[in-house]
Amino acid sequence: MLKRLVVAFLVRLIRVYQVYISPLTWPCCRFTPTCSQYGIEAIRKYGPIGGIWRTAWRILRCNPWCKGGHDPP
């Protein structure tokens, strides 16, 4: 029960970012799906701890020196 609430809260935070903050920035994600969508999928698939860890690693890899490409969670 608590895990589902935490997952729902984290997904909602990412959705707020996608709707209100992301449109104000230059699109620069080198991966598909985007890092924020990856975060939602990873949190739903691996839970809060595993999802946050995988999302953080993905964001660290999203830089000008990374080739990017298709990288599903």
C-alpha atoms as a PDB file:
ATOM      1  CA  MET A   1       0.000   0.000   0.000  1.00  0.00           C
ATOM      2  CA  LEU A   2       2.711   2.475   1.004  1.00  0.00           C
ATOM      3  CA  LYS A   3       4.844   1.479  -1.980  1.00  0.00           C
ATOM      4  CA  ARG A   4       1.962   2.235  -4.360  1.00  0.00           C
ATOM      5  CA  LEU A   5       1.463   5.652  -2.772  1.00  0.00           C
ATOM      6  CA  VAL A   6       5.154   6.493  -3.104  1.00  0.00           C
ATOM      7  CA  VAL A   7       5.185   5.321  -6.729  1.00  0.00           C
ATOM      8  CA  ALA A   8       2.096   7.407  -7.500  1.00  0.00           C
ATOM      9  CA  PHE A   9       3.652  10.468  -5.823  1.00  0.00           C
ATOM     10  CA  LEU A  10       6.932  10.127  -7.748  1.00  0.00           C
ATOM     11  CA  VAL A  11       5.127   9.617 -11.051  1.00  0.00           C
ATOM     12  CA  ARG A  12       3.023  12.705 -10.335  1.00  0.00           C
ATOM     13  CA  LEU A  13       6.187  14.743  -9.662  1.00  0.00           C
ATOM     14  CA  ILE A  14       7.670  13.684 -12.984  1.00  0.00           C
ATOM     15  CA  ARG A  15       4.398  14.481 -14.781  1.00  0.00           C
ATOM     16  CA  VAL A  16       4.423  17.989 -13.255  1.00  0.00           C
ATOM     17  CA  TYR A  17       7.950  18.397 -14.634  1.00  0.00           C
ATOM     18  CA  GLN A  18       6.858  17.125 -18.063  1.00  0.00           C
ATOM     19  CA  VAL A  19       3.849  19.438 -18.271  1.00  0.00           C
ATOM     20  CA  TYR A  20       5.118  22.650 -16.668  1.00  0.00           C
ATOM     21  CA  ILE A  21       8.930  22.740 -16.736  1.00  0.00           C
ATOM     22  CA  SER A  22      10.063  20.667 -19.713  1.00  0.00           C
ATOM     23  CA  PRO A  23       8.255  22.812 -22.324  1.00  0.00           C
ATOM     24  CA  LEU A  24      10.271  25.822 -21.124  1.00  0.00           C
ATOM     25  CA  THR A  25      13.624  24.175 -21.856  1.00  0.00           C
ATOM     26  CA  TRP A  26      15.406  23.260 -25.065  1.00  0.00           C
ATOM     27  CA  PRO A  27      14.818  19.592 -25.998  1.00  0.00           C
ATOM     28  CA  CYS A  28      18.138  17.855 -25.451  1.00  0.00           C
ATOM     29  CA  CYS A  29      17.464  14.251 -24.454  1.00  0.00           C
ATOM     30  CA  ARG A  30      19.688  11.898 -26.442  1.00  0.00           C
ATOM     31  CA  PHE A  31      17.696   8.806 -25.589  1.00  0.00           C
ATOM     32  CA  THR A  32      14.316   7.350 -26.414  1.00  0.00           C
ATOM     33  CA  PRO A  33      12.198   7.260 -24.390  1.00  0.00           C
ATOM     34  CA  THR A  34      13.004  10.651 -22.877  1.00  0.00           C
ATOM     35  CA  CYS A  35      14.660  10.671 -19.470  1.00  0.00           C
ATOM     36  CA  SER A  36      11.461  11.738 -17.723  1.00  0.00           C
ATOM     37  CA  GLN A  37       9.400   9.035 -19.435  1.00  0.00           C
ATOM     38  CA  TYR A  38      12.148   6.539 -18.617  1.00  0.00           C
ATOM     39  CA  GLY A  39      11.847   7.626 -14.983  1.00  0.00           C
ATOM     40  CA  ILE A  40       8.125   6.945 -14.923  1.00  0.00           C
ATOM     41  CA  GLU A  41       8.555   3.525 -16.521  1.00  0.00           C
ATOM     42  CA  ALA A  42      11.486   2.568 -14.274  1.00  0.00           C
ATOM     43  CA  ILE A  43       9.690   3.612 -11.078  1.00  0.00           C
ATOM     44  CA  ARG A  44       6.609   1.635 -12.073  1.00  0.00           C
ATOM     45  CA  LYS A  45       8.663  -1.420 -13.050  1.00  0.00           C
ATOM     46  CA  TYR A  46      11.324  -1.495 -10.301  1.00  0.00           C
ATOM     47  CA  GLY A  47       9.637   0.404  -7.459  1.00  0.00           C
ATOM     48  CA  PRO A  48      10.736   3.672  -5.842  1.00  0.00           C
ATOM     49  CA  ILE A  49      14.303   2.747  -4.856  1.00  0.00           C
ATOM     50  CA  GLY A  50      15.285   0.816  -7.984  1.00  0.00           C
ATOM     51  CA  GLY A  51      13.465   3.265 -10.240  1.00  0.00           C
ATOM     52  CA  ILE A  52      15.106   6.338  -8.733  1.00  0.00           C
ATOM     53  CA  TRP A  53      18.537   4.693  -8.932  1.00  0.00           C
ATOM     54  CA  ARG A  54      18.083   3.736 -12.593  1.00  0.00           C
ATOM     55  CA  THR A  55      16.665   7.158 -13.472  1.00  0.00           C
ATOM     56  CA  ALA A  56      19.573   8.951 -11.784  1.00  0.00           C
ATOM     57  CA  TRP A  57      22.054   6.771 -13.698  1.00  0.00           C
ATOM     58  CA  ARG A  58      20.220   7.514 -16.938  1.00  0.00           C
ATOM     59  CA  ILE A  59      20.296  11.287 -16.312  1.00  0.00           C
ATOM     60  CA  LEU A  60      24.032  11.116 -15.571  1.00  0.00           C
ATOM     61  CA  ARG A  61      24.592   9.331 -18.889  1.00  0.00           C
ATOM     62  CA  CYS A  62      22.576  11.933 -20.830  1.00  0.00           C
ATOM     63  CA  ASN A  63      25.392  14.299 -21.785  1.00  0.00           C
ATOM     64  CA  PRO A  64      27.052  15.655 -24.945  1.00  0.00           C
ATOM     65  CA  TRP A  65      29.623  12.841 -24.999  1.00  0.00           C
ATOM     66  CA  CYS A  66      27.038  10.055 -24.920  1.00  0.00           C
ATOM     67  CA  LYS A  67      25.848   8.527 -28.171  1.00  0.00           C
ATOM     68  CA  GLY A  68      22.302   8.028 -26.850  1.00  0.00           C
ATOM     69  CA  GLY A  69      19.795   5.880 -28.701  1.00  0.00           C
ATOM     70  CA  HIS A  70      17.004   3.547 -27.669  1.00  0.00           C
ATOM     71  CA  ASP A  71      17.340   2.625 -23.991  1.00  0.00           C
ATOM     72  CA  PRO A  72      14.202   1.139 -22.407  1.00  0.00           C
ATOM     73  CA  PRO A  73      14.111   0.589 -18.625  1.00  0.00           C
END
